[in-house]
Amino acid sequence: MWILLGVIAIASTFINLYFYAAGKDYKHAMALGLSFTALTLCAEYSLVSDWVKREDWSALGEAPNFERVLWFLTIVSILLNIAPVLLERKGKRS
């Protein structure tokens, strides 16, 4: 499930950037990108929670690797999704 949500988050982020570049309203796509990023994190947390409930300790050995990847991808998602807002503000100052 988290993979599907992650793919939707990535697609929404690229749609957001495309809409900004095309001069269209990008705010709905930005909201979708950030929302699906949050849902991806929740789904991943649920997966790890399932591993704990089943006492699947070998699967939990992979959790530290997931943690670094999820932190990185979440930060990148936030930065890419808010980039149009920041660029728009910078353009208004000039």
N, C-alpha and C. Protein backbone atom coordinates (compact mmCIF):
# COMPACT_ATOMS: atom_id res chain seq x y z
N MET A 1 0.82 -1.19 0.00
CA MET A 1 0.00 0.00 0.00
C MET A 1 0.87 1.26 0.00
N TRP A 2 1.94 1.22 0.81
CA TRP A 2 2.77 2.42 0.89
C TRP A 2 3.46 2.72 -0.43
N ILE A 3 3.73 1.70 -1.22
CA ILE A 3 4.37 1.93 -2.52
C ILE A 3 3.40 2.67 -3.44
N LEU A 4 2.15 2.23 -3.47
CA LEU A 4 1.14 2.89 -4.30
C LEU A 4 0.96 4.35 -3.87
N LEU A 5 0.84 4.58 -2.57
CA LEU A 5 0.68 5.95 -2.08
C LEU A 5 1.91 6.80 -2.41
N GLY A 6 3.08 6.19 -2.32
CA GLY A 6 4.31 6.92 -2.66
C GLY A 6 4.38 7.29 -4.12
N VAL A 7 3.95 6.39 -4.99
CA VAL A 7 3.94 6.68 -6.43
C VAL A 7 2.96 7.81 -6.73
N ILE A 8 1.80 7.78 -6.07
CA ILE A 8 0.82 8.86 -6.27
C ILE A 8 1.38 10.19 -5.76
N ALA A 9 2.10 10.14 -4.64
CA ALA A 9 2.72 11.37 -4.10
C ALA A 9 3.74 11.94 -5.07
N ILE A 10 4.55 11.08 -5.67
CA ILE A 10 5.56 11.53 -6.63
C ILE A 10 4.88 12.10 -7.87
N ALA A 11 3.86 11.41 -8.37
CA ALA A 11 3.15 11.90 -9.56
C ALA A 11 2.50 13.25 -9.28
N SER A 12 1.87 13.39 -8.12
CA SER A 12 1.24 14.66 -7.76
C SER A 12 2.25 15.79 -7.67
N THR A 13 3.43 15.47 -7.16
CA THR A 13 4.49 16.48 -7.05
C THR A 13 4.92 16.94 -8.44
N PHE A 14 5.09 16.00 -9.35
CA PHE A 14 5.48 16.39 -10.72
C PHE A 14 4.36 17.15 -11.43
N ILE A 15 3.13 16.79 -11.17
CA ILE A 15 2.00 17.55 -11.73
C ILE A 15 2.01 18.96 -11.18
N ASN A 16 2.28 19.09 -9.89
CA ASN A 16 2.39 20.40 -9.24
C ASN A 16 3.44 21.26 -9.95
N LEU A 17 4.63 20.70 -10.15
CA LEU A 17 5.70 21.45 -10.81
C LEU A 17 5.36 21.77 -12.26
N TYR A 18 4.71 20.84 -12.95
CA TYR A 18 4.29 21.08 -14.33
C TYR A 18 3.27 22.21 -14.40
N PHE A 19 2.27 22.17 -13.54
CA PHE A 19 1.25 23.22 -13.53
C PHE A 19 1.88 24.58 -13.24
N TYR A 20 2.84 24.63 -12.32
CA TYR A 20 3.50 25.90 -12.03
C TYR A 20 4.25 26.41 -13.26
N ALA A 21 5.00 25.52 -13.91
CA ALA A 21 5.76 25.91 -15.10
C ALA A 21 4.84 26.34 -16.23
N ALA A 22 3.66 25.75 -16.33
CA ALA A 22 2.70 26.09 -17.39
C ALA A 22 1.87 27.32 -17.04
N GLY A 23 2.03 27.83 -15.84
CA GLY A 23 1.28 29.02 -15.43
C GLY A 23 -0.14 28.72 -14.99
N LYS A 24 -0.42 27.47 -14.69
CA LYS A 24 -1.76 27.08 -14.25
C LYS A 24 -1.82 27.07 -12.73
N ASP A 25 -3.04 26.91 -12.18
CA ASP A 25 -3.21 26.84 -10.73
C ASP A 25 -2.64 25.51 -10.23
N TYR A 26 -1.61 25.58 -9.43
CA TYR A 26 -0.89 24.40 -8.97
C TYR A 26 -1.22 24.01 -7.53
N LYS A 27 -2.01 24.79 -6.85
CA LYS A 27 -2.19 24.60 -5.40
C LYS A 27 -2.90 23.30 -5.04
N HIS A 28 -3.85 22.84 -5.87
CA HIS A 28 -4.51 21.57 -5.58
C HIS A 28 -3.53 20.41 -5.72
N ALA A 29 -2.70 20.47 -6.75
CA ALA A 29 -1.70 19.42 -6.94
C ALA A 29 -0.68 19.44 -5.80
N MET A 30 -0.34 20.63 -5.32
CA MET A 30 0.58 20.74 -4.19
C MET A 30 -0.04 20.09 -2.96
N ALA A 31 -1.30 20.37 -2.71
CA ALA A 31 -1.99 19.78 -1.56
C ALA A 31 -2.06 18.25 -1.68
N LEU A 32 -2.32 17.77 -2.90
CA LEU A 32 -2.35 16.32 -3.11
C LEU A 32 -0.97 15.70 -2.88
N GLY A 33 0.07 16.34 -3.39
CA GLY A 33 1.42 15.82 -3.20
C GLY A 33 1.80 15.72 -1.74
N LEU A 34 1.52 16.76 -0.98
CA LEU A 34 1.84 16.74 0.45
C LEU A 34 0.95 15.75 1.21
N SER A 35 -0.32 15.67 0.82
CA SER A 35 -1.23 14.75 1.49
C SER A 35 -0.83 13.29 1.25
N PHE A 36 -0.50 12.97 0.02
CA PHE A 36 -0.10 11.59 -0.26
C PHE A 36 1.26 11.26 0.34
N THR A 37 2.11 12.25 0.52
CA THR A 37 3.36 12.02 1.24
C THR A 37 3.06 11.62 2.68
N ALA A 38 2.14 12.35 3.32
CA ALA A 38 1.75 12.03 4.70
C ALA A 38 1.10 10.64 4.77
N LEU A 39 0.25 10.32 3.81
CA LEU A 39 -0.39 9.01 3.80
C LEU A 39 0.63 7.89 3.60
N THR A 40 1.65 8.14 2.79
CA THR A 40 2.70 7.16 2.60
C THR A 40 3.43 6.88 3.91
N LEU A 41 3.72 7.94 4.65
CA LEU A 41 4.40 7.77 5.93
C LEU A 41 3.52 6.99 6.92
N CYS A 42 2.22 7.28 6.93
CA CYS A 42 1.30 6.56 7.81
C CYS A 42 1.23 5.08 7.42
N ALA A 43 1.19 4.80 6.13
CA ALA A 43 1.15 3.40 5.67
C ALA A 43 2.43 2.67 6.05
N GLU A 44 3.55 3.33 5.93
CA GLU A 44 4.82 2.71 6.31
C GLU A 44 4.86 2.44 7.82
N TYR A 45 4.36 3.39 8.59
CA TYR A 45 4.29 3.20 10.04
C TYR A 45 3.40 2.01 10.38
N SER A 46 2.29 1.87 9.68
CA SER A 46 1.39 0.73 9.90
C SER A 46 2.08 -0.59 9.57
N LEU A 47 2.87 -0.58 8.53
CA LEU A 47 3.61 -1.79 8.15
C LEU A 47 4.57 -2.20 9.26
N VAL A 48 5.33 -1.25 9.77
CA VAL A 48 6.28 -1.54 10.84
C VAL A 48 5.52 -1.97 12.10
N SER A 49 4.39 -1.34 12.36
CA SER A 49 3.57 -1.72 13.51
C SER A 49 3.08 -3.17 13.38
N ASP A 50 2.72 -3.56 12.18
CA ASP A 50 2.33 -4.95 11.92
C ASP A 50 3.47 -5.92 12.23
N TRP A 51 4.67 -5.55 11.82
CA TRP A 51 5.84 -6.38 12.09
C TRP A 51 6.03 -6.57 13.59
N VAL A 52 5.84 -5.51 14.35
CA VAL A 52 5.99 -5.60 15.81
C VAL A 52 4.92 -6.50 16.39
N LYS A 53 3.67 -6.34 15.94
CA LYS A 53 2.58 -7.18 16.46
C LYS A 53 2.81 -8.66 16.17
N ARG A 54 3.38 -8.95 15.01
CA ARG A 54 3.64 -10.34 14.64
C ARG A 54 4.99 -10.83 15.18
N GLU A 55 5.70 -9.92 15.84
CA GLU A 55 7.03 -10.21 16.39
C GLU A 55 7.99 -10.72 15.30
N ASP A 56 7.92 -10.07 14.17
CA ASP A 56 8.79 -10.40 13.04
C ASP A 56 10.07 -9.57 13.17
N TRP A 57 10.95 -10.03 14.01
CA TRP A 57 12.14 -9.24 14.34
C TRP A 57 13.11 -9.15 13.17
N SER A 58 13.13 -10.14 12.31
CA SER A 58 14.03 -10.05 11.15
C SER A 58 13.58 -8.94 10.20
N ALA A 59 12.27 -8.78 10.04
CA ALA A 59 11.77 -7.69 9.19
C ALA A 59 12.09 -6.34 9.82
N LEU A 60 12.03 -6.26 11.14
CA LEU A 60 12.33 -5.00 11.81
C LEU A 60 13.80 -4.61 11.66
N GLY A 61 14.65 -5.56 11.32
CA GLY A 61 16.05 -5.25 11.08
C GLY A 61 16.24 -4.31 9.91
N GLU A 62 15.27 -4.27 9.00
CA GLU A 62 15.32 -3.38 7.85
C GLU A 62 14.79 -1.98 8.16
N ALA A 63 14.12 -1.81 9.27
CA ALA A 63 13.49 -0.53 9.60
C ALA A 63 14.47 0.65 9.62
N PRO A 64 15.69 0.50 10.15
CA PRO A 64 16.62 1.65 10.13
C PRO A 64 16.93 2.13 8.70
N ASN A 65 16.99 1.21 7.74
CA ASN A 65 17.22 1.61 6.35
C ASN A 65 16.02 2.38 5.81
N PHE A 66 14.82 1.89 6.12
CA PHE A 66 13.61 2.59 5.70
C PHE A 66 13.55 3.99 6.30
N GLU A 67 13.98 4.10 7.54
CA GLU A 67 13.89 5.40 8.22
C GLU A 67 14.66 6.47 7.46
N ARG A 68 15.90 6.19 7.11
CA ARG A 68 16.72 7.17 6.38
C ARG A 68 16.10 7.53 5.03
N VAL A 69 15.64 6.52 4.32
CA VAL A 69 15.03 6.75 3.01
C VAL A 69 13.76 7.59 3.16
N LEU A 70 12.92 7.26 4.14
CA LEU A 70 11.68 8.01 4.34
C LEU A 70 11.95 9.45 4.75
N TRP A 71 12.93 9.69 5.61
CA TRP A 71 13.28 11.07 5.97
C TRP A 71 13.71 11.84 4.74
N PHE A 72 14.59 11.24 3.94
CA PHE A 72 15.10 11.91 2.74
C PHE A 72 13.97 12.22 1.76
N LEU A 73 13.16 11.21 1.45
CA LEU A 73 12.09 11.41 0.48
C LEU A 73 11.03 12.40 0.97
N THR A 74 10.76 12.40 2.27
CA THR A 74 9.79 13.35 2.81
C THR A 74 10.30 14.78 2.70
N ILE A 75 11.56 14.99 3.02
CA ILE A 75 12.16 16.33 2.92
C ILE A 75 12.16 16.79 1.46
N VAL A 76 12.54 15.90 0.55
CA VAL A 76 12.54 16.24 -0.88
C VAL A 76 11.13 16.57 -1.35
N SER A 77 10.15 15.78 -0.91
CA SER A 77 8.76 16.03 -1.31
C SER A 77 8.28 17.39 -0.82
N ILE A 78 8.57 17.71 0.42
CA ILE A 78 8.15 19.01 0.96
C ILE A 78 8.80 20.14 0.18
N LEU A 79 10.10 20.04 -0.06
CA LEU A 79 10.81 21.10 -0.78
C LEU A 79 10.30 21.26 -2.22
N LEU A 80 10.08 20.15 -2.91
CA LEU A 80 9.59 20.23 -4.29
C LEU A 80 8.17 20.77 -4.35
N ASN A 81 7.34 20.40 -3.37
CA ASN A 81 5.95 20.85 -3.40
C ASN A 81 5.81 22.31 -3.03
N ILE A 82 6.69 22.84 -2.17
CA ILE A 82 6.57 24.25 -1.81
C ILE A 82 7.43 25.15 -2.70
N ALA A 83 8.23 24.55 -3.57
CA ALA A 83 9.09 25.35 -4.46
C ALA A 83 8.29 26.36 -5.28
N PRO A 84 7.15 26.00 -5.88
CA PRO A 84 6.40 27.00 -6.64
C PRO A 84 5.95 28.19 -5.79
N VAL A 85 5.57 27.94 -4.56
CA VAL A 85 5.16 29.03 -3.67
C VAL A 85 6.33 29.97 -3.42
N LEU A 86 7.50 29.38 -3.14
CA LEU A 86 8.69 30.19 -2.88
C LEU A 86 9.12 30.96 -4.14
N LEU A 87 9.06 30.30 -5.29
CA LEU A 87 9.43 30.97 -6.54
C LEU A 87 8.45 32.09 -6.87
N GLU A 88 7.18 31.87 -6.60
CA GLU A 88 6.18 32.88 -6.85
C GLU A 88 6.41 34.11 -5.96
N ARG A 89 6.74 33.87 -4.71
CA ARG A 89 7.03 34.99 -3.80
C ARG A 89 8.28 35.74 -4.23
N LYS A 90 9.29 35.00 -4.66
CA LYS A 90 10.52 35.64 -5.11
C LYS A 90 10.24 36.50 -6.35
N GLY A 91 9.37 36.02 -7.25
CA GLY A 91 9.03 36.77 -8.46
C GLY A 91 8.27 38.04 -8.15
N LYS A 92 7.49 38.04 -7.11
CA LYS A 92 6.72 39.24 -6.74
C LYS A 92 7.62 40.31 -6.13
N ARG A 93 8.71 39.91 -5.50
CA ARG A 93 9.64 40.87 -4.89
C ARG A 93 10.43 41.64 -5.94
N SER A 94 10.74 40.95 -7.04
CA SER A 94 11.59 41.56 -8.07
C SER A 94 10.85 42.59 -8.89
